[in-house]
Amino acid sequence: MTGRRRWSTEEILDTAAELLRSSDAESFSVRKLAAALGTDSSSLYRHFRNKTELLRAVADRILLAAMDGYRPEGDWKQRITALALRLREAFGEQPQLATVWGRYASSGTGSRLVMEELLQALRASGLPDEEVPVRYHRIVILLAALIASEAGIGTITPEEYEQGMELFRVAVLGADPERFPALAHFARDIRPLGADRRAAFEEILAAQLAHIEAQIP
């Protein structure tokens, strides 16, 4: 009688990532993962104590991939911008995992690499040491929110997108000018949330970095 196959941690994480590409953290479960692997949940708990620990490990792999080949270049603002765009791109390829990162803080190697680079860049800015952790926290909150928001749009189907665009046009172009005078005035210039997201991402980040720069003695 042959024994049940033992799955490696990497194989488990690969399968979990695949499942999360077609679902989300809420519907994902260790039982579903075990079924996909052809095993039982108890065998997976030898690798991860619970679902949260597993999701953190999956999210950390995205951070690790984003940092692969990264070399800091330029001044501190250029370093942070380059890092942010790498994170945006990495989660853009696997948008279902962006909310996992925002919700389940990772403590793996990928997370430590991101933290180290952000902290080093902020320290290179000339900020006093006591200000660096505070500014680091603000940047991470901003990046997690922007990336998760953008990823949410990236997961909708073409049909859902078209339906959303139609509703947007009705809500904006059909606004009653007496009740919504400002909306009616700017209606033809208001862009839907899916438009120019990279430009918006960079502009919002640049504003945050400019605010930090203004605090440097």
N, C-alpha and C. Protein backbone atom coordinates (compact mmCIF):
# COMPACT_ATOMS: atom_id res chain seq x y z
N MET A 1 0.85 -1.19 0.00
CA MET A 1 0.00 0.00 0.00
C MET A 1 0.89 1.24 0.00
N THR A 2 0.66 2.09 -0.95
CA THR A 2 1.48 3.31 -1.05
C THR A 2 1.02 4.36 -0.06
N GLY A 3 1.97 5.09 0.47
CA GLY A 3 1.64 6.15 1.41
C GLY A 3 1.16 7.41 0.72
N ARG A 4 0.48 8.25 1.46
CA ARG A 4 0.00 9.51 0.90
C ARG A 4 1.17 10.44 0.61
N ARG A 5 1.08 11.11 -0.50
CA ARG A 5 2.18 11.99 -0.90
C ARG A 5 2.35 13.13 0.11
N ARG A 6 3.59 13.47 0.36
CA ARG A 6 3.89 14.60 1.24
C ARG A 6 4.18 15.82 0.36
N TRP A 7 3.39 16.85 0.52
CA TRP A 7 3.55 18.07 -0.27
C TRP A 7 4.54 19.00 0.42
N SER A 8 5.40 19.63 -0.37
CA SER A 8 6.35 20.59 0.19
C SER A 8 5.64 21.92 0.46
N THR A 9 6.27 22.74 1.27
CA THR A 9 5.70 24.05 1.58
C THR A 9 5.52 24.87 0.31
N GLU A 10 6.51 24.81 -0.58
CA GLU A 10 6.43 25.58 -1.83
C GLU A 10 5.28 25.09 -2.71
N GLU A 11 5.07 23.80 -2.78
CA GLU A 11 3.96 23.26 -3.58
C GLU A 11 2.62 23.69 -3.00
N ILE A 12 2.53 23.70 -1.70
CA ILE A 12 1.29 24.14 -1.04
C ILE A 12 1.02 25.61 -1.35
N LEU A 13 2.05 26.43 -1.27
CA LEU A 13 1.89 27.86 -1.54
C LEU A 13 1.56 28.11 -3.02
N ASP A 14 2.17 27.34 -3.91
CA ASP A 14 1.85 27.47 -5.34
C ASP A 14 0.37 27.21 -5.59
N THR A 15 -0.14 26.14 -5.01
CA THR A 15 -1.55 25.78 -5.20
C THR A 15 -2.47 26.80 -4.55
N ALA A 16 -2.09 27.29 -3.37
CA ALA A 16 -2.89 28.31 -2.70
C ALA A 16 -2.98 29.58 -3.54
N ALA A 17 -1.85 29.98 -4.14
CA ALA A 17 -1.84 31.17 -4.99
C ALA A 17 -2.75 30.99 -6.19
N GLU A 18 -2.75 29.79 -6.78
CA GLU A 18 -3.63 29.52 -7.92
C GLU A 18 -5.09 29.62 -7.52
N LEU A 19 -5.44 29.06 -6.37
CA LEU A 19 -6.82 29.14 -5.90
C LEU A 19 -7.24 30.58 -5.64
N LEU A 20 -6.34 31.37 -5.10
CA LEU A 20 -6.66 32.76 -4.77
C LEU A 20 -6.78 33.64 -6.01
N ARG A 21 -6.22 33.20 -7.12
CA ARG A 21 -6.38 33.97 -8.37
C ARG A 21 -7.82 33.92 -8.87
N SER A 22 -8.53 32.88 -8.52
CA SER A 22 -9.90 32.72 -9.01
C SER A 22 -10.94 32.86 -7.91
N SER A 23 -10.50 33.24 -6.71
CA SER A 23 -11.44 33.46 -5.60
C SER A 23 -10.94 34.63 -4.78
N ASP A 24 -11.22 34.64 -3.50
CA ASP A 24 -10.72 35.70 -2.63
C ASP A 24 -10.43 35.11 -1.26
N ALA A 25 -9.90 35.95 -0.39
CA ALA A 25 -9.50 35.47 0.93
C ALA A 25 -10.69 34.98 1.75
N GLU A 26 -11.87 35.58 1.51
CA GLU A 26 -13.04 35.19 2.30
C GLU A 26 -13.50 33.78 1.96
N SER A 27 -13.53 33.45 0.66
CA SER A 27 -14.02 32.14 0.25
C SER A 27 -12.93 31.06 0.28
N PHE A 28 -11.69 31.49 0.37
CA PHE A 28 -10.58 30.54 0.43
C PHE A 28 -10.60 29.80 1.77
N SER A 29 -10.28 28.52 1.74
CA SER A 29 -10.22 27.75 2.98
C SER A 29 -9.15 26.68 2.88
N VAL A 30 -8.66 26.25 4.01
CA VAL A 30 -7.66 25.18 4.04
C VAL A 30 -8.27 23.90 3.50
N ARG A 31 -9.55 23.70 3.73
CA ARG A 31 -10.22 22.49 3.23
C ARG A 31 -10.23 22.48 1.70
N LYS A 32 -10.52 23.62 1.07
CA LYS A 32 -10.50 23.71 -0.39
C LYS A 32 -9.10 23.48 -0.93
N LEU A 33 -8.11 24.03 -0.23
CA LEU A 33 -6.73 23.84 -0.65
C LEU A 33 -6.34 22.36 -0.55
N ALA A 34 -6.74 21.72 0.53
CA ALA A 34 -6.44 20.30 0.70
C ALA A 34 -7.08 19.47 -0.40
N ALA A 35 -8.32 19.82 -0.76
CA ALA A 35 -9.01 19.09 -1.82
C ALA A 35 -8.29 19.25 -3.16
N ALA A 36 -7.80 20.45 -3.43
CA ALA A 36 -7.07 20.71 -4.68
C ALA A 36 -5.78 19.90 -4.73
N LEU A 37 -5.19 19.66 -3.57
CA LEU A 37 -3.94 18.90 -3.50
C LEU A 37 -4.18 17.40 -3.38
N GLY A 38 -5.44 17.02 -3.18
CA GLY A 38 -5.75 15.60 -3.02
C GLY A 38 -5.30 15.04 -1.69
N THR A 39 -5.40 15.86 -0.66
CA THR A 39 -5.00 15.42 0.68
C THR A 39 -6.04 15.90 1.68
N ASP A 40 -5.75 15.78 2.95
CA ASP A 40 -6.68 16.26 3.97
C ASP A 40 -6.08 17.46 4.69
N SER A 41 -6.93 18.22 5.34
CA SER A 41 -6.50 19.47 5.99
C SER A 41 -5.43 19.24 7.03
N SER A 42 -5.50 18.14 7.74
CA SER A 42 -4.55 17.90 8.82
C SER A 42 -3.10 17.87 8.32
N SER A 43 -2.91 17.38 7.09
CA SER A 43 -1.54 17.32 6.57
C SER A 43 -1.00 18.71 6.30
N LEU A 44 -1.88 19.68 6.00
CA LEU A 44 -1.44 21.05 5.74
C LEU A 44 -1.11 21.79 7.03
N TYR A 45 -1.77 21.41 8.10
CA TYR A 45 -1.51 22.08 9.37
C TYR A 45 -0.13 21.72 9.94
N ARG A 46 0.55 20.78 9.31
CA ARG A 46 1.94 20.53 9.70
C ARG A 46 2.85 21.63 9.19
N HIS A 47 2.38 22.34 8.14
CA HIS A 47 3.17 23.42 7.54
C HIS A 47 2.72 24.79 8.04
N PHE A 48 1.41 24.95 8.22
CA PHE A 48 0.84 26.24 8.65
C PHE A 48 -0.19 25.99 9.74
N ARG A 49 -0.11 26.79 10.78
CA ARG A 49 -0.98 26.56 11.93
C ARG A 49 -2.44 26.86 11.64
N ASN A 50 -2.70 27.81 10.74
CA ASN A 50 -4.08 28.18 10.44
C ASN A 50 -4.13 28.89 9.08
N LYS A 51 -5.34 29.24 8.68
CA LYS A 51 -5.55 29.90 7.39
C LYS A 51 -4.82 31.24 7.31
N THR A 52 -4.85 32.01 8.37
CA THR A 52 -4.21 33.32 8.36
C THR A 52 -2.71 33.20 8.13
N GLU A 53 -2.07 32.27 8.79
CA GLU A 53 -0.64 32.08 8.60
C GLU A 53 -0.33 31.68 7.16
N LEU A 54 -1.18 30.86 6.57
CA LEU A 54 -1.01 30.44 5.19
C LEU A 54 -1.16 31.62 4.23
N LEU A 55 -2.18 32.45 4.44
CA LEU A 55 -2.39 33.61 3.58
C LEU A 55 -1.24 34.60 3.70
N ARG A 56 -0.72 34.76 4.89
CA ARG A 56 0.43 35.65 5.07
C ARG A 56 1.63 35.15 4.27
N ALA A 57 1.81 33.85 4.25
CA ALA A 57 2.93 33.28 3.50
C ALA A 57 2.76 33.47 2.00
N VAL A 58 1.51 33.34 1.52
CA VAL A 58 1.25 33.55 0.09
C VAL A 58 1.53 35.00 -0.29
N ALA A 59 1.05 35.93 0.52
CA ALA A 59 1.27 37.35 0.24
C ALA A 59 2.76 37.68 0.27
N ASP A 60 3.49 37.04 1.18
CA ASP A 60 4.92 37.33 1.29
C ASP A 60 5.67 36.90 0.04
N ARG A 61 5.19 35.87 -0.62
CA ARG A 61 5.85 35.42 -1.85
C ARG A 61 5.74 36.48 -2.95
N ILE A 62 4.64 37.23 -2.95
CA ILE A 62 4.49 38.31 -3.93
C ILE A 62 5.51 39.41 -3.63
N LEU A 63 5.67 39.73 -2.36
CA LEU A 63 6.66 40.74 -1.98
C LEU A 63 8.07 40.26 -2.35
N LEU A 64 8.33 38.99 -2.12
CA LEU A 64 9.64 38.43 -2.44
C LEU A 64 9.91 38.50 -3.94
N ALA A 65 8.89 38.20 -4.74
CA ALA A 65 9.03 38.28 -6.19
C ALA A 65 9.25 39.72 -6.64
N ALA A 66 8.56 40.66 -5.99
CA ALA A 66 8.72 42.08 -6.34
C ALA A 66 10.13 42.56 -6.06
N MET A 67 10.76 42.02 -5.03
CA MET A 67 12.09 42.46 -4.65
C MET A 67 13.19 41.72 -5.39
N ASP A 68 12.84 40.69 -6.14
CA ASP A 68 13.83 39.92 -6.88
C ASP A 68 14.51 40.78 -7.94
N GLY A 69 15.80 40.92 -7.84
CA GLY A 69 16.55 41.73 -8.80
C GLY A 69 16.52 43.22 -8.52
N TYR A 70 15.86 43.63 -7.45
CA TYR A 70 15.78 45.07 -7.14
C TYR A 70 17.14 45.59 -6.68
N ARG A 71 17.53 46.73 -7.22
CA ARG A 71 18.73 47.43 -6.79
C ARG A 71 18.39 48.89 -6.56
N PRO A 72 18.65 49.42 -5.35
CA PRO A 72 18.32 50.82 -5.09
C PRO A 72 19.14 51.77 -5.96
N GLU A 73 18.45 52.67 -6.62
CA GLU A 73 19.10 53.66 -7.48
C GLU A 73 18.46 55.02 -7.27
N GLY A 74 19.27 56.07 -7.40
CA GLY A 74 18.75 57.42 -7.29
C GLY A 74 18.65 57.90 -5.85
N ASP A 75 17.97 59.03 -5.67
CA ASP A 75 17.81 59.57 -4.32
C ASP A 75 16.70 58.82 -3.59
N TRP A 76 16.42 59.24 -2.37
CA TRP A 76 15.47 58.50 -1.54
C TRP A 76 14.08 58.48 -2.13
N LYS A 77 13.66 59.57 -2.76
CA LYS A 77 12.32 59.59 -3.37
C LYS A 77 12.24 58.67 -4.57
N GLN A 78 13.29 58.64 -5.36
CA GLN A 78 13.32 57.73 -6.52
C GLN A 78 13.32 56.27 -6.07
N ARG A 79 14.00 55.99 -4.99
CA ARG A 79 14.03 54.62 -4.47
C ARG A 79 12.65 54.17 -4.00
N ILE A 80 11.98 55.03 -3.25
CA ILE A 80 10.65 54.67 -2.76
C ILE A 80 9.65 54.55 -3.91
N THR A 81 9.73 55.44 -4.87
CA THR A 81 8.84 55.38 -6.03
C THR A 81 9.06 54.11 -6.83
N ALA A 82 10.33 53.77 -7.07
CA ALA A 82 10.64 52.55 -7.82
C ALA A 82 10.13 51.31 -7.09
N LEU A 83 10.31 51.28 -5.78
CA LEU A 83 9.84 50.16 -4.98
C LEU A 83 8.32 50.07 -5.03
N ALA A 84 7.65 51.20 -4.89
CA ALA A 84 6.18 51.22 -4.91
C ALA A 84 5.65 50.71 -6.24
N LEU A 85 6.27 51.10 -7.34
CA LEU A 85 5.82 50.66 -8.66
C LEU A 85 6.07 49.17 -8.86
N ARG A 86 7.13 48.65 -8.27
CA ARG A 86 7.37 47.21 -8.34
C ARG A 86 6.30 46.44 -7.58
N LEU A 87 5.91 46.94 -6.43
CA LEU A 87 4.85 46.30 -5.65
C LEU A 87 3.53 46.37 -6.42
N ARG A 88 3.24 47.52 -6.99
CA ARG A 88 2.02 47.68 -7.78
C ARG A 88 1.97 46.69 -8.94
N GLU A 89 3.08 46.55 -9.63
CA GLU A 89 3.13 45.64 -10.77
C GLU A 89 2.99 44.18 -10.32
N ALA A 90 3.66 43.83 -9.23
CA ALA A 90 3.61 42.45 -8.75
C ALA A 90 2.20 42.04 -8.35
N PHE A 91 1.51 42.90 -7.62
CA PHE A 91 0.16 42.58 -7.21
C PHE A 91 -0.83 42.76 -8.36
N GLY A 92 -0.47 43.58 -9.34
CA GLY A 92 -1.33 43.73 -10.51
C GLY A 92 -1.43 42.45 -11.31
N GLU A 93 -0.37 41.64 -11.27
CA GLU A 93 -0.37 40.36 -11.97
C GLU A 93 -1.17 39.31 -11.20
N GLN A 94 -1.34 39.51 -9.91
CA GLN A 94 -2.13 38.59 -9.08
C GLN A 94 -3.02 39.42 -8.16
N PRO A 95 -4.00 40.13 -8.74
CA PRO A 95 -4.78 41.11 -7.98
C PRO A 95 -5.56 40.55 -6.80
N GLN A 96 -5.94 39.27 -6.86
CA GLN A 96 -6.68 38.71 -5.73
C GLN A 96 -5.84 38.68 -4.46
N LEU A 97 -4.53 38.69 -4.63
CA LEU A 97 -3.65 38.61 -3.47
C LEU A 97 -3.35 39.98 -2.86
N ALA A 98 -3.73 41.05 -3.54
CA ALA A 98 -3.46 42.39 -3.02
C ALA A 98 -4.21 42.64 -1.72
N THR A 99 -5.47 42.21 -1.67
CA THR A 99 -6.25 42.40 -0.45
C THR A 99 -5.71 41.53 0.68
N VAL A 100 -5.14 40.39 0.32
CA VAL A 100 -4.53 39.52 1.33
C VAL A 100 -3.37 40.24 1.99
N TRP A 101 -2.54 40.92 1.18
CA TRP A 101 -1.42 41.67 1.73
C TRP A 101 -1.91 42.79 2.64
N GLY A 102 -2.94 43.51 2.19
CA GLY A 102 -3.45 44.61 2.98
C GLY A 102 -4.07 44.17 4.29
N ARG A 103 -4.65 42.97 4.28
CA ARG A 103 -5.37 42.50 5.47
C ARG A 103 -4.47 41.70 6.41
N TYR A 104 -3.63 40.86 5.83
CA TYR A 104 -2.81 39.97 6.66
C TYR A 104 -1.34 40.40 6.57
N ALA A 105 -0.89 41.12 7.55
CA ALA A 105 0.50 41.58 7.55
C ALA A 105 1.45 40.39 7.50
N SER A 106 2.45 40.50 6.65
CA SER A 106 3.41 39.41 6.51
C SER A 106 4.64 39.69 7.36
N SER A 107 5.27 38.61 7.80
CA SER A 107 6.51 38.76 8.57
C SER A 107 7.63 37.94 7.93
N GLY A 108 7.44 37.55 6.67
CA GLY A 108 8.43 36.73 5.99
C GLY A 108 9.56 37.54 5.40
N THR A 109 10.40 36.86 4.63
CA THR A 109 11.57 37.50 4.05
C THR A 109 11.18 38.63 3.10
N GLY A 110 10.14 38.42 2.28
CA GLY A 110 9.71 39.46 1.36
C GLY A 110 9.31 40.73 2.08
N SER A 111 8.56 40.56 3.15
CA SER A 111 8.15 41.71 3.94
C SER A 111 9.34 42.44 4.54
N ARG A 112 10.30 41.68 5.05
CA ARG A 112 11.48 42.29 5.66
C ARG A 112 12.31 43.05 4.61
N LEU A 113 12.38 42.52 3.40
CA LEU A 113 13.13 43.21 2.34
C LEU A 113 12.48 44.55 2.00
N VAL A 114 11.14 44.56 1.91
CA VAL A 114 10.42 45.80 1.62
C VAL A 114 10.60 46.79 2.75
N MET A 115 10.45 46.33 3.98
CA MET A 115 10.62 47.20 5.14
C MET A 115 12.02 47.79 5.19
N GLU A 116 13.03 46.94 4.96
CA GLU A 116 14.41 47.40 5.02
C GLU A 116 14.68 48.50 4.00
N GLU A 117 14.21 48.31 2.77
CA GLU A 117 14.46 49.30 1.73
C GLU A 117 13.73 50.61 2.02
N LEU A 118 12.49 50.54 2.47
CA LEU A 118 11.76 51.76 2.79
C LEU A 118 12.43 52.51 3.94
N LEU A 119 12.83 51.79 4.97
CA LEU A 119 13.46 52.43 6.12
C LEU A 119 14.81 53.03 5.74
N GLN A 120 15.59 52.31 4.92
CA GLN A 120 16.88 52.86 4.49
C GLN A 120 16.70 54.12 3.64
N ALA A 121 15.71 54.08 2.73
CA ALA A 121 15.47 55.24 1.88
C ALA A 121 15.04 56.44 2.71
N LEU A 122 14.15 56.23 3.68
CA LEU A 122 13.71 57.33 4.53
C LEU A 122 14.85 57.87 5.39
N ARG A 123 15.69 56.98 5.86
CA ARG A 123 16.83 57.44 6.66
C ARG A 123 17.79 58.26 5.80
N ALA A 124 17.93 57.87 4.51
CA ALA A 124 18.80 58.60 3.60
C ALA A 124 18.24 59.98 3.25
N SER A 125 16.96 60.19 3.53
CA SER A 125 16.34 61.48 3.20
C SER A 125 16.83 62.60 4.11
N GLY A 126 17.35 62.23 5.27
CA GLY A 126 17.77 63.24 6.23
C GLY A 126 16.78 63.44 7.36
N LEU A 127 15.69 62.67 7.37
CA LEU A 127 14.74 62.76 8.48
C LEU A 127 15.42 62.35 9.78
N PRO A 128 15.06 62.97 10.88
CA PRO A 128 15.55 62.49 12.18
C PRO A 128 15.10 61.05 12.40
N ASP A 129 15.90 60.26 13.07
CA ASP A 129 15.57 58.85 13.27
C ASP A 129 14.19 58.64 13.91
N GLU A 130 13.83 59.54 14.82
CA GLU A 130 12.55 59.36 15.49
C GLU A 130 11.35 59.56 14.56
N GLU A 131 11.56 60.23 13.42
CA GLU A 131 10.48 60.46 12.45
C GLU A 131 10.36 59.33 11.44
N VAL A 132 11.42 58.56 11.25
CA VAL A 132 11.43 57.54 10.19
C VAL A 132 10.32 56.50 10.37
N PRO A 133 10.13 55.89 11.55
CA PRO A 133 9.07 54.88 11.68
C PRO A 133 7.68 55.42 11.39
N VAL A 134 7.42 56.67 11.80
CA VAL A 134 6.12 57.27 11.56
C VAL A 134 5.87 57.44 10.06
N ARG A 135 6.85 57.97 9.35
CA ARG A 135 6.70 58.19 7.91
C ARG A 135 6.64 56.87 7.16
N TYR A 136 7.38 55.88 7.65
CA TYR A 136 7.31 54.54 7.06
C TYR A 136 5.88 54.00 7.15
N HIS A 137 5.29 54.13 8.31
CA HIS A 137 3.94 53.62 8.52
C HIS A 137 2.94 54.29 7.58
N ARG A 138 3.06 55.59 7.40
CA ARG A 138 2.14 56.31 6.52
C ARG A 138 2.28 55.83 5.07
N ILE A 139 3.51 55.61 4.64
CA ILE A 139 3.73 55.17 3.26
C ILE A 139 3.15 53.79 3.04
N VAL A 140 3.38 52.88 3.98
CA VAL A 140 2.87 51.51 3.82
C VAL A 140 1.34 51.50 3.79
N ILE A 141 0.72 52.27 4.66
CA ILE A 141 -0.75 52.36 4.66
C ILE A 141 -1.24 52.87 3.31
N LEU A 142 -0.58 53.90 2.79
CA LEU A 142 -0.97 54.48 1.51
C LEU A 142 -0.82 53.46 0.38
N LEU A 143 0.32 52.78 0.33
CA LEU A 143 0.57 51.82 -0.74
C LEU A 143 -0.41 50.65 -0.68
N ALA A 144 -0.65 50.14 0.52
CA ALA A 144 -1.57 49.02 0.66
C ALA A 144 -2.97 49.41 0.20
N ALA A 145 -3.41 50.61 0.55
CA ALA A 145 -4.75 51.07 0.16
C ALA A 145 -4.84 51.27 -1.35
N LEU A 146 -3.85 51.91 -1.94
CA LEU A 146 -3.88 52.18 -3.38
C LEU A 146 -3.80 50.88 -4.18
N ILE A 147 -2.91 49.98 -3.78
CA ILE A 147 -2.73 48.73 -4.52
C ILE A 147 -3.95 47.84 -4.40
N ALA A 148 -4.52 47.75 -3.20
CA ALA A 148 -5.72 46.92 -3.01
C ALA A 148 -6.90 47.49 -3.79
N SER A 149 -7.04 48.81 -3.80
CA SER A 149 -8.13 49.44 -4.53
C SER A 149 -8.01 49.18 -6.02
N GLU A 150 -6.81 49.33 -6.55
CA GLU A 150 -6.58 49.12 -7.96
C GLU A 150 -6.77 47.65 -8.33
N ALA A 151 -6.31 46.77 -7.47
CA ALA A 151 -6.45 45.35 -7.73
C ALA A 151 -7.92 44.93 -7.77
N GLY A 152 -8.74 45.57 -6.94
CA GLY A 152 -10.16 45.25 -6.94
C GLY A 152 -10.80 45.47 -8.29
N ILE A 153 -10.40 46.53 -8.96
CA ILE A 153 -10.92 46.81 -10.30
C ILE A 153 -10.38 45.80 -11.30
N GLY A 154 -9.15 45.35 -11.07
CA GLY A 154 -8.54 44.41 -12.00
C GLY A 154 -9.15 43.02 -11.97
N THR A 155 -9.95 42.72 -10.96
CA THR A 155 -10.54 41.39 -10.86
C THR A 155 -11.93 41.28 -11.47
N ILE A 156 -12.53 42.39 -11.89
CA ILE A 156 -13.88 42.31 -12.44
C ILE A 156 -13.84 41.81 -13.87
N THR A 157 -14.92 41.21 -14.31
CA THR A 157 -15.01 40.68 -15.67
C THR A 157 -15.30 41.82 -16.65
N PRO A 158 -15.05 41.61 -17.95
CA PRO A 158 -15.39 42.63 -18.95
C PRO A 158 -16.85 43.03 -18.91
N GLU A 159 -17.74 42.06 -18.65
CA GLU A 159 -19.16 42.37 -18.57
C GLU A 159 -19.46 43.28 -17.38
N GLU A 160 -18.83 42.97 -16.25
CA GLU A 160 -19.03 43.80 -15.06
C GLU A 160 -18.47 45.20 -15.29
N TYR A 161 -17.34 45.27 -16.00
CA TYR A 161 -16.74 46.58 -16.28
C TYR A 161 -17.67 47.42 -17.14
N GLU A 162 -18.22 46.83 -18.20
CA GLU A 162 -19.12 47.58 -19.08
C GLU A 162 -20.38 48.01 -18.34
N GLN A 163 -20.88 47.14 -17.50
CA GLN A 163 -22.06 47.51 -16.70
C GLN A 163 -21.73 48.68 -15.78
N GLY A 164 -20.56 48.63 -15.17
CA GLY A 164 -20.14 49.72 -14.30
C GLY A 164 -19.97 51.02 -15.04
N MET A 165 -19.41 50.95 -16.26
CA MET A 165 -19.23 52.16 -17.06
C MET A 165 -20.57 52.77 -17.43
N GLU A 166 -21.54 51.91 -17.76
CA GLU A 166 -22.87 52.42 -18.10
C GLU A 166 -23.52 53.11 -16.90
N LEU A 167 -23.39 52.49 -15.74
CA LEU A 167 -23.93 53.11 -14.53
C LEU A 167 -23.22 54.42 -14.22
N PHE A 168 -21.90 54.46 -14.48
CA PHE A 168 -21.14 55.69 -14.26
C PHE A 168 -21.66 56.80 -15.16
N ARG A 169 -21.86 56.47 -16.44
CA ARG A 169 -22.35 57.48 -17.38
C ARG A 169 -23.73 58.00 -16.98
N VAL A 170 -24.59 57.10 -16.55
CA VAL A 170 -25.93 57.51 -16.12
C VAL A 170 -25.85 58.42 -14.90
N ALA A 171 -25.01 58.01 -13.92
CA ALA A 171 -24.90 58.77 -12.68
C ALA A 171 -24.30 60.15 -12.89
N VAL A 172 -23.32 60.25 -13.81
CA VAL A 172 -22.60 61.51 -13.99
C VAL A 172 -23.25 62.39 -15.06
N LEU A 173 -23.39 61.85 -16.25
CA LEU A 173 -23.93 62.66 -17.35
C LEU A 173 -25.41 62.94 -17.18
N GLY A 174 -26.09 62.09 -16.44
CA GLY A 174 -27.53 62.28 -16.24
C GLY A 174 -27.88 63.00 -14.95
N ALA A 175 -26.88 63.59 -14.30
CA ALA A 175 -27.13 64.27 -13.03
C ALA A 175 -28.01 65.50 -13.21
N ASP A 176 -28.98 65.66 -12.34
CA ASP A 176 -29.88 66.82 -12.36
C ASP A 176 -29.07 68.06 -11.96
N PRO A 177 -28.93 69.05 -12.86
CA PRO A 177 -28.11 70.23 -12.54
C PRO A 177 -28.65 71.07 -11.39
N GLU A 178 -29.91 70.98 -11.10
CA GLU A 178 -30.46 71.76 -9.99
C GLU A 178 -30.08 71.12 -8.65
N ARG A 179 -30.10 69.80 -8.62
CA ARG A 179 -29.77 69.11 -7.37
C ARG A 179 -28.28 68.89 -7.23
N PHE A 180 -27.58 68.65 -8.36
CA PHE A 180 -26.14 68.38 -8.34
C PHE A 180 -25.42 69.35 -9.29
N PRO A 181 -25.42 70.64 -8.96
CA PRO A 181 -24.86 71.63 -9.89
C PRO A 181 -23.37 71.43 -10.20
N ALA A 182 -22.57 71.10 -9.19
CA ALA A 182 -21.14 70.90 -9.43
C ALA A 182 -20.89 69.66 -10.28
N LEU A 183 -21.61 68.60 -10.00
CA LEU A 183 -21.47 67.37 -10.77
C LEU A 183 -21.87 67.58 -12.22
N ALA A 184 -22.95 68.29 -12.44
CA ALA A 184 -23.39 68.58 -13.80
C ALA A 184 -22.38 69.46 -14.53
N HIS A 185 -21.78 70.39 -13.80
CA HIS A 185 -20.81 71.31 -14.41
C HIS A 185 -19.56 70.57 -14.88
N PHE A 186 -19.07 69.62 -14.05
CA PHE A 186 -17.83 68.92 -14.36
C PHE A 186 -18.05 67.54 -14.99
N ALA A 187 -19.28 67.20 -15.31
CA ALA A 187 -19.63 65.84 -15.72
C ALA A 187 -18.76 65.31 -16.86
N ARG A 188 -18.54 66.11 -17.88
CA ARG A 188 -17.80 65.60 -19.05
C ARG A 188 -16.30 65.46 -18.79
N ASP A 189 -15.82 65.98 -17.67
CA ASP A 189 -14.39 65.88 -17.35
C ASP A 189 -14.10 64.89 -16.24
N ILE A 190 -15.16 64.40 -15.57
CA ILE A 190 -14.97 63.42 -14.50
C ILE A 190 -14.60 62.08 -15.12
N ARG A 191 -13.52 61.47 -14.61
CA ARG A 191 -13.05 60.19 -15.14
C ARG A 191 -13.50 59.05 -14.24
N PRO A 192 -13.81 57.91 -14.81
CA PRO A 192 -14.15 56.74 -14.00
C PRO A 192 -12.93 56.26 -13.22
N LEU A 193 -13.16 55.45 -12.17
CA LEU A 193 -12.08 55.04 -11.29
C LEU A 193 -11.00 54.23 -12.01
N GLY A 194 -11.37 53.57 -13.09
CA GLY A 194 -10.40 52.73 -13.77
C GLY A 194 -9.46 53.48 -14.69
N ALA A 195 -9.67 54.76 -14.89
CA ALA A 195 -8.87 55.52 -15.86
C ALA A 195 -7.60 56.09 -15.23
N ASP A 196 -6.51 56.02 -15.99
CA ASP A 196 -5.23 56.64 -15.60
C ASP A 196 -4.80 56.29 -14.18
N ARG A 197 -4.91 55.03 -13.84
CA ARG A 197 -4.64 54.65 -12.45
C ARG A 197 -3.14 54.72 -12.12
N ARG A 198 -2.29 54.42 -13.08
CA ARG A 198 -0.86 54.53 -12.78
C ARG A 198 -0.49 55.98 -12.52
N ALA A 199 -1.02 56.89 -13.35
CA ALA A 199 -0.71 58.31 -13.17
C ALA A 199 -1.21 58.79 -11.81
N ALA A 200 -2.42 58.36 -11.45
CA ALA A 200 -2.97 58.75 -10.15
C ALA A 200 -2.13 58.17 -9.02
N PHE A 201 -1.72 56.92 -9.16
CA PHE A 201 -0.88 56.26 -8.16
C PHE A 201 0.40 57.05 -7.93
N GLU A 202 1.08 57.40 -9.02
CA GLU A 202 2.35 58.12 -8.91
C GLU A 202 2.15 59.52 -8.34
N GLU A 203 1.06 60.17 -8.72
CA GLU A 203 0.81 61.53 -8.24
C GLU A 203 0.52 61.55 -6.74
N ILE A 204 -0.29 60.59 -6.28
CA ILE A 204 -0.62 60.52 -4.86
C ILE A 204 0.62 60.20 -4.04
N LEU A 205 1.42 59.26 -4.53
CA LEU A 205 2.66 58.92 -3.83
C LEU A 205 3.62 60.11 -3.80
N ALA A 206 3.74 60.81 -4.93
CA ALA A 206 4.63 61.97 -5.00
C ALA A 206 4.22 63.04 -4.00
N ALA A 207 2.92 63.22 -3.83
CA ALA A 207 2.43 64.20 -2.86
C ALA A 207 2.82 63.82 -1.44
N GLN A 208 2.75 62.52 -1.14
CA GLN A 208 3.15 62.06 0.19
C GLN A 208 4.64 62.25 0.41
N LEU A 209 5.44 61.96 -0.62
CA LEU A 209 6.89 62.12 -0.49
C LEU A 209 7.27 63.60 -0.38
N ALA A 210 6.54 64.47 -1.08
CA ALA A 210 6.79 65.91 -0.98
C ALA A 210 6.46 66.40 0.43
N HIS A 211 5.41 65.84 1.02
CA HIS A 211 5.05 66.19 2.40
C HIS A 211 6.16 65.78 3.35
N ILE A 212 6.72 64.59 3.13
CA ILE A 212 7.83 64.13 3.98
C ILE A 212 9.04 65.04 3.81
N GLU A 213 9.33 65.39 2.56
CA GLU A 213 10.48 66.24 2.27
C GLU A 213 10.38 67.57 2.99
N ALA A 214 9.16 68.07 3.11
CA ALA A 214 8.95 69.36 3.78
C ALA A 214 9.24 69.29 5.28
N GLN A 215 9.25 68.05 5.84
CA GLN A 215 9.52 67.89 7.26
C GLN A 215 11.01 67.73 7.55
N ILE A 216 11.83 67.60 6.51
CA ILE A 216 13.25 67.39 6.71
C ILE A 216 13.92 68.68 7.16
N PRO A 217 14.67 68.63 8.24
CA PRO A 217 15.31 69.86 8.72
C PRO A 217 16.25 70.46 7.68
